[in-house]
Amino acid sequence: MFTREKGTLVLIIFVLCGLVIGGLIGELTAGVSWLSWLGYGKQFGIHDPITLDLGVVQISFGLLFTINVSSIIGIAIAIFLYRKF
């Protein structure tokens, strides 16, 4: 059972790395005319943070996802590499 949990953790790490690296590539190639399609994406989530003011402590909650084409390609490559190794 430990190896199954370890495999799941490694898969999550691979997917997160693919997501971050793909997003970075999408941001870097957004200015290049023939690669600008990699930066096309969408943002969704809570744009305006929800604030909880308790007088002494103020806590803000917010969550925003930005997905672009290269992020999706990065996730696909990460899953492929996970299955390969």
C-alpha atoms as a PDB file:
ATOM      1  CA  MET A   1       0.000   0.000   0.000  1.00  0.00           C
ATOM      2  CA  PHE A   2       2.913   2.347   0.668  1.00  0.00           C
ATOM      3  CA  THR A   3       4.136   2.068  -2.923  1.00  0.00           C
ATOM      4  CA  ARG A   4       0.691   2.981  -4.233  1.00  0.00           C
ATOM      5  CA  GLU A   5       0.607   6.151  -2.098  1.00  0.00           C
ATOM      6  CA  LYS A   6       4.156   6.965  -3.125  1.00  0.00           C
ATOM      7  CA  GLY A   7       3.226   6.508  -6.797  1.00  0.00           C
ATOM      8  CA  THR A   8       0.261   8.850  -6.379  1.00  0.00           C
ATOM      9  CA  LEU A   9       2.452  11.456  -4.713  1.00  0.00           C
ATOM     10  CA  VAL A  10       5.007  11.229  -7.523  1.00  0.00           C
ATOM     11  CA  LEU A  11       2.213  11.598 -10.103  1.00  0.00           C
ATOM     12  CA  ILE A  12       0.909  14.725  -8.342  1.00  0.00           C
ATOM     13  CA  ILE A  13       4.424  16.189  -8.271  1.00  0.00           C
ATOM     14  CA  PHE A  14       4.898  15.420 -11.980  1.00  0.00           C
ATOM     15  CA  VAL A  15       1.568  17.037 -12.883  1.00  0.00           C
ATOM     16  CA  LEU A  16       2.297  20.140 -10.800  1.00  0.00           C
ATOM     17  CA  CYS A  17       5.745  20.484 -12.391  1.00  0.00           C
ATOM     18  CA  GLY A  18       4.224  20.103 -15.856  1.00  0.00           C
ATOM     19  CA  LEU A  19       1.604  22.721 -14.997  1.00  0.00           C
ATOM     20  CA  VAL A  20       4.148  25.244 -13.700  1.00  0.00           C
ATOM     21  CA  ILE A  21       6.703  24.708 -16.481  1.00  0.00           C
ATOM     22  CA  GLY A  22       3.975  24.799 -19.141  1.00  0.00           C
ATOM     23  CA  GLY A  23       2.550  28.012 -17.681  1.00  0.00           C
ATOM     24  CA  LEU A  24       5.992  29.582 -17.649  1.00  0.00           C
ATOM     25  CA  ILE A  25       6.559  28.623 -21.286  1.00  0.00           C
ATOM     26  CA  GLY A  26       3.149  30.074 -22.164  1.00  0.00           C
ATOM     27  CA  GLU A  27       4.004  33.365 -20.491  1.00  0.00           C
ATOM     28  CA  LEU A  28       7.424  33.547 -22.148  1.00  0.00           C
ATOM     29  CA  THR A  29       6.121  32.772 -25.637  1.00  0.00           C
ATOM     30  CA  ALA A  30       3.137  35.146 -25.490  1.00  0.00           C
ATOM     31  CA  GLY A  31       5.221  37.901 -27.110  1.00  0.00           C
ATOM     32  CA  VAL A  32       6.502  35.738 -29.977  1.00  0.00           C
ATOM     33  CA  SER A  33       4.187  36.079 -32.964  1.00  0.00           C
ATOM     34  CA  TRP A  34       4.239  32.473 -34.204  1.00  0.00           C
ATOM     35  CA  LEU A  35       4.136  30.980 -30.678  1.00  0.00           C
ATOM     36  CA  SER A  36       1.572  33.312 -29.140  1.00  0.00           C
ATOM     37  CA  TRP A  37      -1.119  30.590 -29.293  1.00  0.00           C
ATOM     38  CA  LEU A  38       0.699  28.804 -26.446  1.00  0.00           C
ATOM     39  CA  GLY A  39      -0.170  31.690 -24.126  1.00  0.00           C
ATOM     40  CA  TYR A  40      -3.894  31.626 -24.910  1.00  0.00           C
ATOM     41  CA  GLY A  41      -5.805  30.723 -21.777  1.00  0.00           C
ATOM     42  CA  LYS A  42      -8.448  31.463 -19.220  1.00  0.00           C
ATOM     43  CA  GLN A  43      -8.568  32.551 -15.580  1.00  0.00           C
ATOM     44  CA  PHE A  44     -11.208  31.314 -13.192  1.00  0.00           C
ATOM     45  CA  GLY A  45     -11.746  31.361  -9.463  1.00  0.00           C
ATOM     46  CA  ILE A  46     -12.399  33.980  -6.800  1.00  0.00           C
ATOM     47  CA  HIS A  47     -11.076  37.226  -8.301  1.00  0.00           C
ATOM     48  CA  ASP A  48     -11.954  39.453  -5.334  1.00  0.00           C
ATOM     49  CA  PRO A  49     -10.654  37.987  -2.085  1.00  0.00           C
ATOM     50  CA  ILE A  50     -13.122  37.288   0.707  1.00  0.00           C
ATOM     51  CA  THR A  51     -11.960  39.032   3.881  1.00  0.00           C
ATOM     52  CA  LEU A  52     -12.694  37.875   7.411  1.00  0.00           C
ATOM     53  CA  ASP A  53     -12.115  40.717   9.883  1.00  0.00           C
ATOM     54  CA  LEU A  54     -11.947  39.582  13.514  1.00  0.00           C
ATOM     55  CA  GLY A  55     -10.821  42.923  14.906  1.00  0.00           C
ATOM     56  CA  VAL A  56      -7.329  41.836  15.861  1.00  0.00           C
ATOM     57  CA  VAL A  57      -6.680  39.573  12.888  1.00  0.00           C
ATOM     58  CA  GLN A  58      -7.745  40.062   9.298  1.00  0.00           C
ATOM     59  CA  ILE A  59      -7.677  37.011   7.004  1.00  0.00           C
ATOM     60  CA  SER A  60      -8.213  37.110   3.237  1.00  0.00           C
ATOM     61  CA  PHE A  61      -9.231  34.082   1.181  1.00  0.00           C
ATOM     62  CA  GLY A  62      -8.879  33.900  -2.576  1.00  0.00           C
ATOM     63  CA  LEU A  63      -8.175  31.348  -5.250  1.00  0.00           C
ATOM     64  CA  LEU A  64      -7.392  32.014  -8.903  1.00  0.00           C
ATOM     65  CA  PHE A  65      -6.436  29.460 -11.549  1.00  0.00           C
ATOM     66  CA  THR A  66      -4.784  30.454 -14.805  1.00  0.00           C
ATOM     67  CA  ILE A  67      -4.729  27.726 -17.439  1.00  0.00           C
ATOM     68  CA  ASN A  68      -3.224  28.151 -20.901  1.00  0.00           C
ATOM     69  CA  VAL A  69      -2.527  25.862 -23.843  1.00  0.00           C
ATOM     70  CA  SER A  70       1.077  25.200 -22.862  1.00  0.00           C
ATOM     71  CA  SER A  71      -0.016  24.259 -19.322  1.00  0.00           C
ATOM     72  CA  ILE A  72      -2.284  21.573 -20.753  1.00  0.00           C
ATOM     73  CA  ILE A  73       0.546  20.344 -22.984  1.00  0.00           C
ATOM     74  CA  GLY A  74       2.851  20.332 -19.938  1.00  0.00           C
ATOM     75  CA  ILE A  75       0.381  18.222 -17.956  1.00  0.00           C
ATOM     76  CA  ALA A  76       0.079  15.752 -20.847  1.00  0.00           C
ATOM     77  CA  ILE A  77       3.873  15.455 -21.121  1.00  0.00           C
ATOM     78  CA  ALA A  78       4.167  14.999 -17.354  1.00  0.00           C
ATOM     79  CA  ILE A  79       1.645  12.141 -17.358  1.00  0.00           C
ATOM     80  CA  PHE A  80       3.423  10.559 -20.337  1.00  0.00           C
ATOM     81  CA  LEU A  81       6.776  10.765 -18.527  1.00  0.00           C
ATOM     82  CA  TYR A  82       5.243   9.346 -15.341  1.00  0.00           C
ATOM     83  CA  ARG A  83       3.892   6.336 -17.238  1.00  0.00           C
ATOM     84  CA  LYS A  84       7.199   5.906 -19.114  1.00  0.00           C
ATOM     85  CA  PHE A  85       9.294   5.763 -15.953  1.00  0.00           C
END
